[in-house]
Protein backbone atom coordinates (compact mmCIF):
# COMPACT_ATOMS: atom_id res chain seq x y z
CA UNK A 1 -0.02 0.03 0.10
CA UNK A 2 1.40 3.41 -0.88
CA UNK A 3 1.48 5.78 2.00
CA UNK A 4 2.51 9.43 1.39
CA UNK A 5 4.52 11.67 3.74
CA UNK A 6 4.19 15.45 3.68
CA UNK A 7 6.77 17.68 5.24
CA UNK A 8 6.05 21.36 5.57
CA UNK A 9 8.80 23.77 6.52
CA UNK A 10 7.67 27.13 8.16
CA UNK A 11 9.62 30.17 9.26
CA UNK A 12 8.56 29.78 12.93
CA UNK A 13 7.57 26.28 13.21
CA UNK A 14 8.76 22.86 11.79
CA UNK A 15 5.84 20.43 11.12
CA UNK A 16 5.91 16.79 10.27
CA UNK A 17 2.91 15.05 8.64
CA UNK A 18 3.36 11.55 9.51
CA UNK A 19 1.55 8.58 7.99
CA UNK A 20 1.66 4.76 8.83
CA UNK A 21 5.27 4.02 8.39
CA UNK A 22 7.12 7.21 9.06
CA UNK A 23 8.98 8.71 11.98
CA UNK A 24 9.27 12.56 12.64
CA UNK A 25 8.82 15.00 15.48
CA UNK A 26 8.80 18.81 15.88
CA UNK A 27 10.71 19.83 18.92
CA UNK A 28 11.17 23.08 20.99
CA UNK A 29 12.17 23.99 24.45
CA UNK A 30 9.69 23.89 27.13
CA UNK A 31 10.97 24.66 30.68
CA UNK A 32 7.64 23.87 32.25
CA UNK A 33 7.87 20.29 31.81
CA UNK A 34 9.22 17.96 34.67
CA UNK A 35 12.46 16.12 34.26
CA UNK A 36 12.16 12.82 32.43
CA UNK A 37 8.97 13.98 30.61
CA UNK A 38 8.08 15.52 27.50
CA UNK A 39 5.00 16.63 25.79
CA UNK A 40 3.07 15.77 22.42
CA UNK A 41 0.91 18.36 20.57
CA UNK A 42 -1.00 15.96 18.54
CA UNK A 43 -3.63 16.45 15.68
CA UNK A 44 -5.10 14.07 13.12
CA UNK A 45 -6.22 14.51 9.61
CA UNK A 46 -7.55 12.53 6.59
CA UNK A 47 -8.01 13.24 3.08
CA UNK A 48 -9.84 10.85 0.64
CA UNK A 49 -7.57 10.47 -2.48
CA UNK A 50 -10.16 10.29 -5.10
CA UNK A 51 -13.69 11.30 -3.91
CA UNK A 52 -13.20 14.64 -2.41
CA UNK A 53 -10.74 17.64 -2.65
CA UNK A 54 -11.47 18.75 0.78
CA UNK A 55 -10.48 17.24 4.06
CA UNK A 56 -12.19 14.43 5.94
CA UNK A 57 -13.50 15.09 9.24
CA UNK A 58 -11.58 13.43 11.97
CA UNK A 59 -13.07 14.87 15.08
CA UNK A 60 -14.63 11.55 16.03
CA UNK A 61 -11.60 9.34 15.34
CA UNK A 62 -10.40 7.50 18.38
CA UNK A 63 -6.79 7.76 19.32
CA UNK A 64 -4.46 5.35 20.99
CA UNK A 65 -0.96 6.15 22.10
CA UNK A 66 1.40 3.09 22.79
CA UNK A 67 4.97 2.41 23.43
CA UNK A 68 7.31 1.01 20.90
CA UNK A 69 6.67 -2.33 22.63
CA UNK A 70 2.88 -2.31 22.12
CA UNK A 71 1.83 -1.11 25.71
CA UNK A 72 -1.08 1.36 25.62
CA UNK A 73 -0.31 4.32 27.72
CA UNK A 74 -3.05 6.99 26.52
CA UNK A 75 -6.40 6.49 24.87
CA UNK A 76 -8.93 9.32 23.77
CA UNK A 77 -12.20 8.35 22.37
CA UNK A 78 -12.33 11.43 19.96
CA UNK A 79 -9.76 13.61 18.47
CA UNK A 80 -11.79 16.62 19.45
CA UNK A 81 -11.26 15.48 23.07
CA UNK A 82 -7.46 15.69 22.80
CA UNK A 83 -5.74 18.14 25.07
CA UNK A 84 -3.55 20.84 23.81
CA UNK A 85 -0.47 18.77 24.92
CA UNK A 86 -0.15 15.35 26.02
CA UNK A 87 2.54 14.74 28.93
CA UNK A 88 4.55 11.44 28.25
CA UNK A 89 7.51 10.05 29.66
CA UNK A 90 10.73 10.31 27.60
CA UNK A 91 10.75 7.49 24.88
CA UNK A 92 9.58 6.02 21.83
CA UNK A 93 5.88 5.98 20.90
CA UNK A 94 3.28 4.73 18.22
CA UNK A 95 0.10 7.03 17.89
CA UNK A 96 -2.79 5.06 16.01
CA UNK A 97 -5.96 7.04 14.82
CA UNK A 98 -8.87 5.45 12.78
CA UNK A 99 -12.68 5.97 11.61
CA UNK A 100 -15.06 5.57 14.64
CA UNK A 101 -16.63 2.52 13.17
CA UNK A 102 -15.37 -1.00 12.45
CA UNK A 103 -13.56 -1.86 9.09
CA UNK A 104 -15.56 -4.52 7.22
CA UNK A 105 -15.23 -6.32 3.87
CA UNK A 106 -18.20 -4.34 2.30
CA UNK A 107 -19.24 -1.00 3.52
CA UNK A 108 -21.30 1.89 2.30
CA UNK A 109 -18.64 4.30 3.37
CA UNK A 110 -14.90 4.85 3.48
CA UNK A 111 -12.88 3.74 6.34
CA UNK A 112 -9.66 5.64 7.26
CA UNK A 113 -6.58 4.81 9.67
CA UNK A 114 -3.14 5.85 9.95
CA UNK A 115 -0.29 5.68 12.59
CA UNK A 116 2.98 7.63 13.51
CA UNK A 117 6.09 6.68 15.18
CA UNK A 118 7.65 9.51 17.13
CA UNK A 119 10.16 10.19 20.15
CA UNK A 120 9.41 12.29 23.24
CA UNK A 121 12.48 14.03 24.39
CA UNK A 122 13.25 15.44 27.85
CA UNK A 123 11.42 18.63 28.64
CA UNK A 124 10.66 19.11 24.88
CA UNK A 125 7.12 19.72 23.33
CA UNK A 126 7.03 17.58 20.08
CA UNK A 127 4.16 18.55 17.50
CA UNK A 128 3.04 15.86 15.21
CA UNK A 129 0.02 15.24 12.73
CA UNK A 130 -1.24 11.55 11.99
CA UNK A 131 -2.30 11.53 8.59
CA UNK A 132 -5.00 8.92 8.01
CA UNK A 133 -5.48 7.06 4.46
CA UNK A 134 -8.61 5.29 3.21
CA UNK A 135 -8.15 1.57 3.83
CA UNK A 136 -10.81 0.33 1.41
CA UNK A 137 -11.49 0.64 -2.38
CA UNK A 138 -14.26 2.62 -3.79
CA UNK A 139 -16.16 0.42 -6.43
CA UNK A 140 -18.76 2.18 -8.67
CA UNK A 141 -21.09 -0.13 -10.90
CA UNK A 142 -22.79 1.86 -13.76
CA UNK A 143 -25.33 0.49 -16.24
CA UNK A 144 -25.75 2.12 -19.57
CA UNK A 145 -29.13 2.97 -21.00
CA UNK A 146 -28.38 0.22 -23.69
CA UNK A 147 -27.99 -2.38 -20.94
CA UNK A 148 -31.11 -1.21 -19.01
CA UNK A 149 -33.03 -1.38 -22.12
CA UNK A 150 -31.71 -4.77 -23.36
CA UNK A 151 -31.85 -6.79 -20.13
CA UNK A 152 -34.93 -7.22 -17.78
CA UNK A 153 -33.10 -9.18 -15.02
CA UNK A 154 -29.48 -9.93 -14.19
CA UNK A 155 -27.10 -11.40 -11.54
CA UNK A 156 -23.82 -9.95 -11.38
CA UNK A 157 -20.90 -10.76 -8.97
CA UNK A 158 -17.65 -9.11 -8.57
CA UNK A 159 -15.15 -11.75 -7.15
CA UNK A 160 -11.63 -11.17 -5.64
CA UNK A 161 -11.08 -14.75 -4.79
CA UNK A 162 -11.93 -14.44 -1.10
CA UNK A 163 -14.78 -15.88 0.73
CA UNK A 164 -16.99 -12.89 0.08
CA UNK A 165 -18.41 -11.61 -3.39
CA UNK A 166 -20.00 -8.19 -4.33
CA UNK A 167 -23.58 -8.86 -5.74
CA UNK A 168 -25.53 -6.92 -8.07
CA UNK A 169 -29.25 -7.53 -9.22
CA UNK A 170 -31.77 -5.88 -11.39
CA UNK A 171 -33.67 -4.84 -8.01
CA UNK A 172 -31.14 -1.93 -8.04
CA UNK A 173 -30.76 -0.21 -11.43
CA UNK A 174 -28.67 2.56 -9.82
CA UNK A 175 -26.50 1.21 -7.13
CA UNK A 176 -24.65 3.21 -4.69
CA UNK A 177 -21.07 3.14 -4.56
CA UNK A 178 -19.30 0.32 -2.42
CA UNK A 179 -16.40 0.58 -0.43
CA UNK A 180 -14.62 -2.97 -0.61
CA UNK A 181 -11.61 -4.03 1.67
CA UNK A 182 -8.87 -6.04 -0.13
CA UNK A 183 -6.70 -8.03 2.16
CA UNK A 184 -3.19 -6.42 1.61
CA UNK A 185 -0.80 -7.95 -1.01
CA UNK A 186 -3.23 -10.65 -2.06
CA UNK A 187 -5.62 -9.52 -4.85
CA UNK A 188 -4.04 -9.17 -8.31
CA UNK A 189 -7.01 -10.17 -10.59
CA UNK A 190 -10.68 -9.46 -10.22
CA UNK A 191 -13.46 -11.60 -11.96
CA UNK A 192 -16.81 -10.14 -13.01
CA UNK A 193 -19.49 -12.89 -13.71
CA UNK A 194 -22.77 -11.91 -15.22
CA UNK A 195 -26.01 -14.02 -15.72
CA UNK A 196 -28.64 -11.82 -17.64
CA UNK A 197 -31.91 -12.32 -19.36
CA UNK A 198 -32.89 -10.18 -22.29
CA UNK A 199 -36.27 -8.43 -22.72
CA UNK A 200 -37.10 -11.17 -25.19
CA UNK A 201 -36.31 -13.89 -22.63
CA UNK A 202 -32.80 -14.87 -23.92
CA UNK A 203 -30.45 -15.93 -21.25
CA UNK A 204 -26.68 -14.52 -21.59
CA UNK A 205 -23.83 -15.66 -19.43
CA UNK A 206 -20.52 -13.66 -19.48
CA UNK A 207 -17.50 -13.95 -17.44
CA UNK A 208 -14.56 -11.41 -17.45
CA UNK A 209 -11.44 -10.68 -15.55
CA UNK A 210 -9.10 -7.61 -15.15
CA UNK A 211 -5.83 -7.30 -13.52
CA UNK A 212 -4.27 -4.14 -11.77
CA UNK A 213 -0.89 -4.55 -13.14
CA UNK A 214 -2.31 -3.98 -16.59
CA UNK A 215 -3.37 -0.50 -15.29
CA UNK A 216 -0.05 0.13 -13.56
CA UNK A 217 1.83 0.05 -16.79
CA UNK A 218 -0.13 3.00 -18.06
CA UNK A 219 1.23 5.33 -15.26
CA UNK A 220 4.68 5.39 -16.82
CA UNK A 221 4.90 8.96 -16.14
CA UNK A 222 4.18 8.73 -12.51
CA UNK A 223 5.65 6.91 -9.68
CA UNK A 224 4.12 3.59 -10.21
CA UNK A 225 5.67 0.10 -11.15
CA UNK A 226 4.50 -3.39 -11.91
CA UNK A 227 5.58 -4.41 -8.65
CA UNK A 228 2.39 -2.60 -7.16
CA UNK A 229 0.24 -5.19 -8.73
CA UNK A 230 -2.26 -5.77 -5.93
CA UNK A 231 -5.56 -3.79 -5.43
CA UNK A 232 -5.46 -1.76 -2.34
CA UNK A 233 -7.19 0.79 -0.28
CA UNK A 234 -7.22 4.36 -1.56
CA UNK A 235 -7.95 3.14 -5.05
CA UNK A 236 -11.23 3.66 -7.13
CA UNK A 237 -12.75 1.26 -9.39
CA UNK A 238 -15.33 2.14 -12.02
CA UNK A 239 -17.23 -0.87 -13.84
CA UNK A 240 -19.43 0.00 -16.69
CA UNK A 241 -21.87 -2.49 -18.19
CA UNK A 242 -23.48 -2.08 -21.69
CA UNK A 243 -25.41 -4.38 -24.25
CA UNK A 244 -23.11 -5.65 -26.96
CA UNK A 245 -23.93 -6.00 -30.75
CA UNK A 246 -27.24 -4.15 -30.77
CA UNK A 247 -28.32 -4.26 -34.54
CA UNK A 248 -30.70 -1.37 -33.82
CA UNK A 249 -31.50 0.60 -30.51
CA UNK A 250 -34.87 -0.98 -29.84
CA UNK A 251 -35.27 -4.06 -31.89
CA UNK A 252 -31.77 -5.37 -32.52
CA UNK A 253 -30.34 -8.67 -31.29
CA UNK A 254 -28.50 -8.65 -28.04
CA UNK A 255 -25.46 -11.02 -28.11
CA UNK A 256 -23.67 -10.30 -24.95
CA UNK A 257 -22.65 -7.49 -22.37
CA UNK A 258 -19.85 -4.82 -23.20
CA UNK A 259 -17.77 -4.44 -20.00
CA UNK A 260 -15.21 -1.58 -19.39
CA UNK A 261 -13.28 -0.82 -16.29
CA UNK A 262 -11.14 2.01 -15.15
CA UNK A 263 -9.07 2.69 -11.99
CA UNK A 264 -7.82 5.67 -10.13
CA UNK A 265 -4.91 5.01 -7.98
CA UNK A 266 -4.37 6.68 -4.54
CA UNK A 267 -2.20 9.70 -5.25
CA UNK A 268 -3.36 10.25 -8.97
CA UNK A 269 -5.72 12.64 -10.39
CA UNK A 270 -6.35 10.73 -13.63
CA UNK A 271 -8.30 7.32 -14.13
CA UNK A 272 -6.96 4.79 -16.58
CA UNK A 273 -8.73 1.95 -18.30
CA UNK A 274 -7.76 -1.60 -17.37
CA UNK A 275 -8.10 -3.99 -20.38
CA UNK A 276 -10.94 -6.68 -19.61
CA UNK A 277 -10.17 -10.25 -20.69
CA UNK A 278 -12.68 -12.83 -21.57
CA UNK A 279 -12.71 -15.86 -19.46
CA UNK A 280 -12.63 -18.90 -21.83
CA UNK A 281 -15.59 -21.23 -20.93
CA UNK A 282 -15.20 -24.75 -20.58
CA UNK A 283 -17.05 -26.64 -23.31
CA UNK A 284 -20.38 -27.91 -21.55
CA UNK A 285 -20.82 -31.53 -21.21
CA UNK A 286 -23.85 -33.71 -20.17
CA UNK A 287 -24.10 -33.92 -16.48
CA UNK A 288 -24.26 -37.60 -16.67
CA UNK A 289 -20.65 -37.93 -17.92
CA UNK A 290 -17.32 -36.67 -16.40
CA UNK A 291 -16.48 -33.15 -17.20
CA UNK A 292 -13.00 -34.05 -18.14
CA UNK A 293 -13.04 -37.71 -19.22
CA UNK A 294 -9.83 -39.64 -19.72
CA UNK A 295 -9.19 -42.44 -22.46
CA UNK A 296 -10.10 -44.98 -20.00
CA UNK A 297 -13.39 -43.28 -18.85
CA UNK A 298 -15.58 -46.05 -20.06
CA UNK A 299 -13.64 -48.52 -18.00
CA UNK A 300 -14.15 -46.29 -15.02
CA UNK A 301 -17.79 -45.30 -15.60
CA UNK A 302 -20.01 -45.70 -12.70
CA UNK A 303 -17.30 -46.47 -10.09
CA UNK A 304 -17.24 -50.24 -10.35
CA UNK A 305 -14.80 -50.67 -7.50
CA UNK A 306 -17.09 -48.52 -5.08
CA UNK A 307 -14.39 -45.86 -4.52
CA UNK A 308 -17.11 -43.34 -4.06
CA UNK A 309 -19.98 -43.50 -1.88
CA UNK A 310 -22.98 -41.08 -1.75
CA UNK A 311 -25.40 -41.26 1.16
CA UNK A 312 -27.72 -39.54 3.55
CA UNK A 313 -26.68 -38.10 6.82
CA UNK A 314 -27.61 -40.11 9.80
CA UNK A 315 -31.33 -40.21 10.52
CA UNK A 316 -32.36 -38.89 7.11
CA UNK A 317 -33.64 -40.56 4.06
CA UNK A 318 -33.88 -37.60 1.66
CA UNK A 319 -32.15 -39.55 -1.33
CA UNK A 320 -34.95 -41.80 -1.52
CA UNK A 321 -38.01 -39.83 -0.27
CA UNK A 322 -37.15 -36.21 -1.31
CA UNK A 323 -37.61 -33.02 0.62
CA UNK A 324 -40.80 -31.04 0.86
CA UNK A 325 -40.62 -27.36 1.89
CA UNK A 326 -42.57 -24.24 1.93
CA UNK A 327 -41.98 -20.54 2.44
CA UNK A 328 -42.21 -19.84 6.03
CA UNK A 329 -41.22 -23.51 7.05
CA UNK A 330 -38.36 -23.93 9.60
CA UNK A 331 -35.36 -25.75 8.21
CA UNK A 332 -36.17 -29.55 7.89
CA UNK A 333 -35.14 -31.87 10.77
CA UNK A 334 -32.88 -33.65 10.43
CA UNK A 335 -30.96 -31.19 8.05
CA UNK A 336 -30.77 -31.93 4.48
CA UNK A 337 -27.24 -33.15 4.02
CA UNK A 338 -25.70 -35.66 1.62
CA UNK A 339 -22.49 -37.24 2.47
CA UNK A 340 -19.64 -38.11 -0.02
CA UNK A 341 -16.70 -40.27 0.61
CA UNK A 342 -14.08 -40.30 -2.19
CA UNK A 343 -11.18 -42.73 -1.65
CA UNK A 344 -9.00 -41.15 -4.50
CA UNK A 345 -9.75 -37.62 -3.81
CA UNK A 346 -12.31 -35.19 -5.18
CA UNK A 347 -11.39 -33.74 -8.54
CA UNK A 348 -14.95 -32.38 -9.27
CA UNK A 349 -18.39 -31.96 -7.52
CA UNK A 350 -21.19 -31.06 -9.94
CA UNK A 351 -24.47 -29.89 -9.09
CA UNK A 352 -27.25 -29.27 -11.65
CA UNK A 353 -30.70 -28.29 -10.57
CA UNK A 354 -33.34 -29.33 -13.12
CA UNK A 355 -35.60 -26.38 -12.12
CA UNK A 356 -39.29 -26.68 -11.66
CA UNK A 357 -40.27 -22.97 -12.14
CA UNK A 358 -39.26 -20.09 -14.32
CA UNK A 359 -37.95 -17.91 -11.15
CA UNK A 360 -35.64 -20.55 -10.18
CA UNK A 361 -34.22 -20.97 -13.77
CA UNK A 362 -33.71 -17.13 -14.20
CA UNK A 363 -32.34 -16.10 -10.83
CA UNK A 364 -30.09 -19.33 -10.29
CA UNK A 365 -29.23 -19.69 -13.80
CA UNK A 366 -25.65 -21.13 -12.93
CA UNK A 367 -27.12 -23.85 -11.13
CA UNK A 368 -30.20 -24.47 -13.27
CA UNK A 369 -28.27 -24.61 -16.58
CA UNK A 370 -26.73 -27.97 -17.64
CA UNK A 371 -24.27 -29.09 -16.76
CA UNK A 372 -24.65 -27.01 -13.65
CA UNK A 373 -21.42 -25.84 -11.64
CA UNK A 374 -18.43 -27.58 -10.31
CA UNK A 375 -18.51 -26.63 -6.67
CA UNK A 376 -14.68 -27.66 -6.40
CA UNK A 377 -13.90 -24.93 -9.07
CA UNK A 378 -13.10 -21.26 -8.51
CA UNK A 379 -16.26 -20.44 -10.40
CA UNK A 380 -18.34 -21.60 -7.42
CA UNK A 381 -17.09 -18.90 -4.88
CA UNK A 382 -20.08 -16.57 -6.04
CA UNK A 383 -22.49 -19.30 -4.73
CA UNK A 384 -20.62 -19.88 -1.51
CA UNK A 385 -23.18 -17.90 0.34
CA UNK A 386 -26.02 -20.30 -0.50
CA UNK A 387 -23.95 -23.38 0.99
CA UNK A 388 -22.71 -21.57 4.16
CA UNK A 389 -19.45 -21.09 2.35
CA UNK A 390 -19.16 -24.97 2.61
CA UNK A 391 -17.49 -26.03 -0.54
CA UNK A 392 -15.54 -28.95 -1.58
CA UNK A 393 -11.78 -28.87 -1.88
CA UNK A 394 -9.95 -30.69 -4.67
CA UNK A 395 -8.18 -33.71 -3.30
CA UNK A 396 -10.52 -33.88 -0.14
CA UNK A 397 -11.47 -37.47 0.38
CA UNK A 398 -15.13 -36.35 1.99
CA UNK A 399 -17.73 -33.65 1.46
CA UNK A 400 -20.87 -32.81 3.04
CA UNK A 401 -23.32 -31.37 0.60
CA UNK A 402 -25.98 -29.35 2.48
CA UNK A 403 -29.14 -27.66 1.10
CA UNK A 404 -29.00 -24.65 3.72
CA UNK A 405 -31.99 -22.70 5.05
CA UNK A 406 -30.60 -19.91 3.05
CA UNK A 407 -30.97 -21.91 -0.09
CA UNK A 408 -34.27 -23.63 0.57
CA UNK A 409 -35.88 -20.11 1.50
CA UNK A 410 -34.53 -18.56 -1.66
CA UNK A 411 -36.18 -21.46 -3.73
CA UNK A 412 -39.47 -21.10 -1.81
CA UNK A 413 -39.54 -17.34 -2.71
CA UNK A 414 -39.74 -18.39 -6.47
CA UNK A 415 -43.03 -20.28 -5.74
CA UNK A 416 -44.12 -23.87 -5.94
CA UNK A 417 -42.32 -26.41 -8.02
CA UNK A 418 -40.48 -29.67 -8.04
CA UNK A 419 -36.64 -29.19 -8.30
CA UNK A 420 -34.28 -32.14 -8.96
CA UNK A 421 -30.71 -31.53 -7.73
CA UNK A 422 -28.43 -33.86 -9.90
CA UNK A 423 -25.22 -34.49 -7.85
CA UNK A 424 -22.13 -35.91 -9.39
CA UNK A 425 -18.57 -36.54 -7.86
CA UNK A 426 -15.69 -37.37 -10.05
CA UNK A 427 -12.33 -38.33 -8.29
CA UNK A 428 -8.76 -37.75 -9.37
CA UNK A 429 -8.80 -41.00 -11.48
CA UNK A 430 -12.03 -40.04 -13.40
CA UNK A 431 -14.17 -42.63 -11.53
CA UNK A 432 -17.39 -41.01 -10.79
CA UNK A 433 -20.97 -41.65 -8.96
CA UNK A 434 -24.22 -39.78 -8.99
CA UNK A 435 -27.21 -39.27 -6.88
CA UNK A 436 -30.48 -37.21 -7.25
CA UNK A 437 -31.97 -35.19 -4.54
CA UNK A 438 -35.65 -34.06 -5.11
CA UNK A 439 -36.92 -30.84 -3.35
CA UNK A 440 -40.70 -30.04 -3.70
CA UNK A 441 -41.60 -26.56 -2.89
CA UNK A 442 -45.44 -26.25 -1.94
CA UNK A 443 -47.65 -23.07 -1.65
């Protein structure tokens, strides 16, 4: 993360503006201080690098002063409650300040934090300013008029590879900015996944990725290098979606989605475009055959050696009797779980839902379109919320597939229907086994 230091030299006073990894102090004689102590005149400021030219109010920021070893010696609930001078024993200190609320993965506002290292000298007043920087990234999603005219519904995810994904649907056609926290030095590439239905009822699926390093290269005249390849706080992303290949504004055929992305880095005044790459899709296969069959697939078909077993959890018989559920019901007891034991380790774990109503088909397209989705793949991250973030790991010898209350209630919201979940496990040697789980939603 790039953290900036600003040093201002005045005729009567030297002032150091200190951010998260710097160490400066301004000193002057103060004969009123007792021997062995000094004083700190502290203030805190913050400035959003891209959303505003004016300063950000820090009056409610809490402040903590600690020794260099981490022992807290002073705490103030708000910057506005800081005394003019804070008396401290001679020594090295760290001052931390941050927004008055908790930093979360997804927020509707910016979060600022900063720290300063400083030295307190005997009978000297040191003056320092802690500069807080924005720790999360502003993400702005925009739909063009072409997109809004072309599509009647959509489900879009922005996926950074973590356990959380950012979701957009047609329920909000003018979404507010989101402030998203990237774990430091982890995210180089972001994936945008789109499932949309045109006004004529045609389903369109599109997956794209973009990489920060591709934008960094465009800042050749500024102090940025390809080493800064990770998305980080202080940046601002703008994702713009349009309808591709409109033959005519109102009656043409929509063939896909146009995606453009630009980024404005912390410390820069100009956004630059990031090239967007297509994700090459895997050729669909019939869900009753392995997705990546080997030459000996026919020999291994059906797992003749019983290397894979699929069974109900103890006390349940759902694979035979099915599950009946309606909106407002409590979760079934026992829970709807299917146990999978895979001797040779999981290679793929496919789920395809033969949906019993149009609502399911449109809104959970990724599950309801053959061959479904491999829950052991990176593509399944956008569905993790529906399975309590419990997805199989490649190589694991067991997995517990569960229809959670979240997913059952979501299905019930679509109305009555009979849905058949086709489950298929493929092991590392292309052996596989299948099972069917029938869920009936009643009014």
